[in-house]
């Protein structure tokens, strides 16, 4: 007798972003996010820590297939140690871990500041982006800068 094991989670794949996939270009929710991301990247550049084979992005789509559906999340800031180069003249629209290079190594979500009372009364609730990044992209370093409200 063959016993079928129940599926314990979603099926994750690493498809390329389809050429006709419409990327959302909504404004950021936290107006402090773009300068924070730029400052972090600038500090790494000033310390000469950025190399051509790396990918550092801000509000840039990370792609995974979750149960045969293409899912794209754009964390506030992320770092990939080594990516495959794109063809000259081609703009990278997104990044699919494993397919286009290393897994994402660090992700940061810059959450809006909360009052002390908010910190004391609100439980930490992970965002959809943090769940996507930690579980599906298998990122070992997820760092919200403060407690986040659910997306």
Protein backbone atom coordinates (compact mmCIF):
# COMPACT_ATOMS: atom_id res chain seq x y z
CA UNK A 1 0.00 0.00 0.00
CA UNK A 2 1.31 3.44 -0.95
CA UNK A 3 0.63 6.18 1.51
CA UNK A 4 0.40 9.71 0.14
CA UNK A 5 1.94 12.36 2.33
CA UNK A 6 -0.19 15.48 2.74
CA UNK A 7 1.28 18.63 1.28
CA UNK A 8 2.72 20.77 4.07
CA UNK A 9 2.95 24.10 2.28
CA UNK A 10 2.81 25.93 -1.01
CA UNK A 11 4.83 24.77 -4.02
CA UNK A 12 7.57 27.34 -4.66
CA UNK A 13 9.19 27.72 -8.10
CA UNK A 14 11.52 30.32 -9.61
CA UNK A 15 9.97 31.45 -12.92
CA UNK A 16 11.24 34.44 -14.85
CA UNK A 17 8.94 37.46 -14.77
CA UNK A 18 6.74 37.23 -17.88
CA UNK A 19 7.47 40.01 -20.39
CA UNK A 20 3.84 41.15 -20.27
CA UNK A 21 3.63 41.19 -16.44
CA UNK A 22 2.43 44.62 -15.29
CA UNK A 23 4.60 45.87 -12.43
CA UNK A 24 2.77 48.18 -10.05
CA UNK A 25 4.30 51.66 -9.74
CA UNK A 26 2.45 52.89 -6.66
CA UNK A 27 4.01 55.54 -4.46
CA UNK A 28 5.73 54.30 -1.32
CA UNK A 29 3.62 54.13 1.84
CA UNK A 30 6.34 55.64 4.04
CA UNK A 31 7.85 58.88 2.70
CA UNK A 32 10.95 58.28 4.85
CA UNK A 33 11.72 55.05 2.97
CA UNK A 34 13.42 56.40 -0.21
CA UNK A 35 15.97 58.56 1.68
CA UNK A 36 16.69 55.71 4.14
CA UNK A 37 17.29 53.25 1.30
CA UNK A 38 19.48 55.77 -0.54
CA UNK A 39 21.49 56.51 2.62
CA UNK A 40 22.12 52.82 3.23
CA UNK A 41 23.25 52.25 -0.35
CA UNK A 42 25.36 55.44 -0.31
CA UNK A 43 27.07 54.35 2.93
CA UNK A 44 27.98 50.99 1.38
CA UNK A 45 29.31 52.80 -1.69
CA UNK A 46 31.35 55.26 0.38
CA UNK A 47 32.87 52.30 2.23
CA UNK A 48 33.67 50.70 -1.15
CA UNK A 49 31.56 47.64 -0.28
CA UNK A 50 29.53 47.55 -3.52
CA UNK A 51 30.78 45.27 -6.28
CA UNK A 52 29.51 44.92 -9.89
CA UNK A 53 28.28 41.35 -9.33
CA UNK A 54 25.96 42.45 -6.49
CA UNK A 55 22.37 43.56 -6.74
CA UNK A 56 21.15 46.19 -4.31
CA UNK A 57 17.61 47.34 -4.82
CA UNK A 58 14.89 49.50 -3.38
CA UNK A 59 11.21 48.96 -4.24
CA UNK A 60 12.38 46.49 -6.87
CA UNK A 61 10.37 43.36 -7.65
CA UNK A 62 11.46 40.01 -6.24
CA UNK A 63 9.75 37.18 -8.11
CA UNK A 64 8.65 33.70 -7.04
CA UNK A 65 6.07 31.23 -8.25
CA UNK A 66 3.70 30.24 -5.46
CA UNK A 67 1.37 27.38 -6.39
CA UNK A 68 1.80 28.20 -10.10
CA UNK A 69 1.01 31.89 -9.62
CA UNK A 70 3.63 34.58 -10.25
CA UNK A 71 4.08 36.66 -7.11
CA UNK A 72 6.12 39.86 -7.02
CA UNK A 73 6.99 41.75 -3.84
CA UNK A 74 9.11 44.88 -3.64
CA UNK A 75 10.87 45.27 -0.29
CA UNK A 76 12.12 48.70 0.77
CA UNK A 77 15.77 47.59 0.43
CA UNK A 78 17.52 44.33 -0.39
CA UNK A 79 20.94 42.87 -1.14
CA UNK A 80 21.97 39.91 -3.29
CA UNK A 81 25.68 38.96 -3.19
CA UNK A 82 25.98 37.70 -6.77
CA UNK A 83 23.65 37.92 -9.75
CA UNK A 84 23.99 36.86 -13.36
CA UNK A 85 24.66 39.84 -15.61
CA UNK A 86 21.91 41.03 -17.96
CA UNK A 87 22.51 41.52 -21.66
CA UNK A 88 23.97 44.93 -22.49
CA UNK A 89 21.19 47.43 -23.15
CA UNK A 90 18.61 45.40 -21.22
CA UNK A 91 17.16 46.90 -18.04
CA UNK A 92 16.59 44.51 -15.17
CA UNK A 93 12.85 44.77 -14.35
CA UNK A 94 12.87 42.32 -11.47
CA UNK A 95 14.92 39.60 -9.80
CA UNK A 96 14.10 35.90 -9.49
CA UNK A 97 16.30 34.25 -6.83
CA UNK A 98 17.96 30.97 -7.87
CA UNK A 99 17.13 31.58 -11.55
CA UNK A 100 19.14 34.81 -11.92
CA UNK A 101 21.77 34.32 -9.23
CA UNK A 102 22.14 33.93 -5.48
CA UNK A 103 19.27 33.97 -3.02
CA UNK A 104 18.45 37.33 -1.46
CA UNK A 105 20.78 37.72 1.55
CA UNK A 106 19.35 40.77 3.35
CA UNK A 107 15.97 42.50 3.22
CA UNK A 108 14.95 45.62 5.10
CA UNK A 109 11.47 47.05 5.51
CA UNK A 110 11.44 50.66 6.72
CA UNK A 111 8.25 50.92 8.72
CA UNK A 112 6.71 54.24 9.71
CA UNK A 113 7.58 55.41 13.20
CA UNK A 114 5.16 54.48 15.97
CA UNK A 115 4.58 56.23 19.25
CA UNK A 116 5.77 54.65 22.49
CA UNK A 117 2.14 53.85 23.34
CA UNK A 118 1.78 52.08 19.97
CA UNK A 119 4.85 49.94 20.71
CA UNK A 120 3.46 48.93 24.08
CA UNK A 121 -0.03 48.05 22.87
CA UNK A 122 0.49 46.69 19.34
CA UNK A 123 1.77 43.14 18.88
CA UNK A 124 4.35 42.55 16.16
CA UNK A 125 2.56 41.38 13.05
CA UNK A 126 4.66 40.37 10.04
CA UNK A 127 3.82 42.04 6.74
CA UNK A 128 2.96 40.17 3.56
CA UNK A 129 6.35 41.27 2.17
CA UNK A 130 8.22 39.88 5.19
CA UNK A 131 6.39 36.55 4.96
CA UNK A 132 7.09 36.35 1.22
CA UNK A 133 10.76 37.19 1.70
CA UNK A 134 11.48 34.93 4.66
CA UNK A 135 9.43 31.89 3.64
CA UNK A 136 9.40 31.92 -0.15
CA UNK A 137 12.69 33.64 -1.01
CA UNK A 138 14.37 31.99 2.01
CA UNK A 139 16.14 35.20 2.99
CA UNK A 140 18.22 34.60 6.14
CA UNK A 141 18.26 38.27 7.23
CA UNK A 142 14.92 40.09 7.38
CA UNK A 143 15.11 43.36 9.27
CA UNK A 144 12.08 45.57 9.89
CA UNK A 145 13.30 48.87 11.31
CA UNK A 146 10.37 49.02 13.73
CA UNK A 147 7.18 47.15 14.41
CA UNK A 148 5.06 47.05 11.29
CA UNK A 149 1.35 47.17 10.82
CA UNK A 150 -0.06 44.37 8.64
CA UNK A 151 -0.29 45.12 4.88
